């Protein structure tokens, strides 16, 4: 079964947790741990979390990954 990958990013707020929680509720699985970095341009901390999901269709670059 094909595996697709997304990298979720957001400022370090509850919005990031909600974005990851929504992906998990849609069948995505965590891939590794989260990462944090300071964005000097905006003056904010940014978070990232990789997620993967098995899909039944063949992968296509035109896929809207968030809708899978």
Protein backbone atom coordinates (compact mmCIF):
# COMPACT_ATOMS: atom_id res chain seq x y z
CA UNK A 1 0.00 0.00 0.00
CA UNK A 2 1.45 3.44 -0.91
CA UNK A 3 2.59 5.70 1.92
CA UNK A 4 2.23 9.49 1.75
CA UNK A 5 4.05 12.09 3.83
CA UNK A 6 3.21 15.56 5.15
CA UNK A 7 5.13 18.05 7.25
CA UNK A 8 2.79 20.04 9.46
CA UNK A 9 4.11 23.44 10.57
CA UNK A 10 2.70 26.27 12.65
CA UNK A 11 3.67 28.87 15.21
CA UNK A 12 4.12 27.45 18.72
CA UNK A 13 0.49 27.87 19.77
CA UNK A 14 -2.44 25.59 20.44
CA UNK A 15 -3.21 25.84 16.70
CA UNK A 16 -0.23 23.56 16.06
CA UNK A 17 -1.57 20.95 18.48
CA UNK A 18 -5.02 21.16 16.87
CA UNK A 19 -3.49 20.73 13.39
CA UNK A 20 -1.61 17.60 14.47
CA UNK A 21 -4.64 16.24 16.37
CA UNK A 22 -6.85 16.71 13.31
CA UNK A 23 -4.37 14.81 11.13
CA UNK A 24 -4.22 11.98 13.69
CA UNK A 25 -8.03 11.81 13.80
CA UNK A 26 -8.00 11.38 10.01
CA UNK A 27 -5.72 8.37 10.14
CA UNK A 28 -2.29 9.99 9.79
CA UNK A 29 0.47 8.64 12.04
CA UNK A 30 3.33 10.50 13.67
CA UNK A 31 6.67 10.02 11.95
CA UNK A 32 9.45 10.88 14.39
CA UNK A 33 9.25 13.55 17.01
CA UNK A 34 8.31 17.21 16.72
CA UNK A 35 10.88 19.92 15.97
CA UNK A 36 11.00 23.53 17.12
CA UNK A 37 13.00 26.46 15.78
CA UNK A 38 13.10 30.19 16.29
CA UNK A 39 12.00 32.19 13.25
CA UNK A 40 14.06 35.37 13.49
CA UNK A 41 12.07 37.08 10.72
CA UNK A 42 8.79 36.83 12.65
CA UNK A 43 10.27 36.67 16.16
CA UNK A 44 8.30 33.50 16.91
CA UNK A 45 8.96 29.88 17.71
CA UNK A 46 7.80 27.51 14.96
CA UNK A 47 6.86 23.85 15.34
CA UNK A 48 6.96 21.01 12.83
CA UNK A 49 5.72 17.42 12.91
CA UNK A 50 6.04 14.85 10.16
CA UNK A 51 3.10 12.51 9.59
CA UNK A 52 2.52 9.60 7.22
CA UNK A 53 -0.53 7.70 6.01
CA UNK A 54 -1.15 4.57 4.00
CA UNK A 55 -3.52 5.13 1.09
CA UNK A 56 -5.22 2.80 -1.34
CA UNK A 57 -4.76 5.00 -4.42
CA UNK A 58 -1.50 5.46 -6.28
CA UNK A 59 0.44 8.57 -5.27
CA UNK A 60 0.16 11.57 -7.55
CA UNK A 61 1.86 14.98 -7.13
CA UNK A 62 -1.55 16.58 -7.80
CA UNK A 63 -3.02 15.04 -4.61
CA UNK A 64 -4.25 17.41 -1.93
CA UNK A 65 -2.45 15.69 0.95
CA UNK A 66 -4.55 17.35 3.63
CA UNK A 67 -7.68 15.86 2.09
CA UNK A 68 -6.40 12.28 2.15
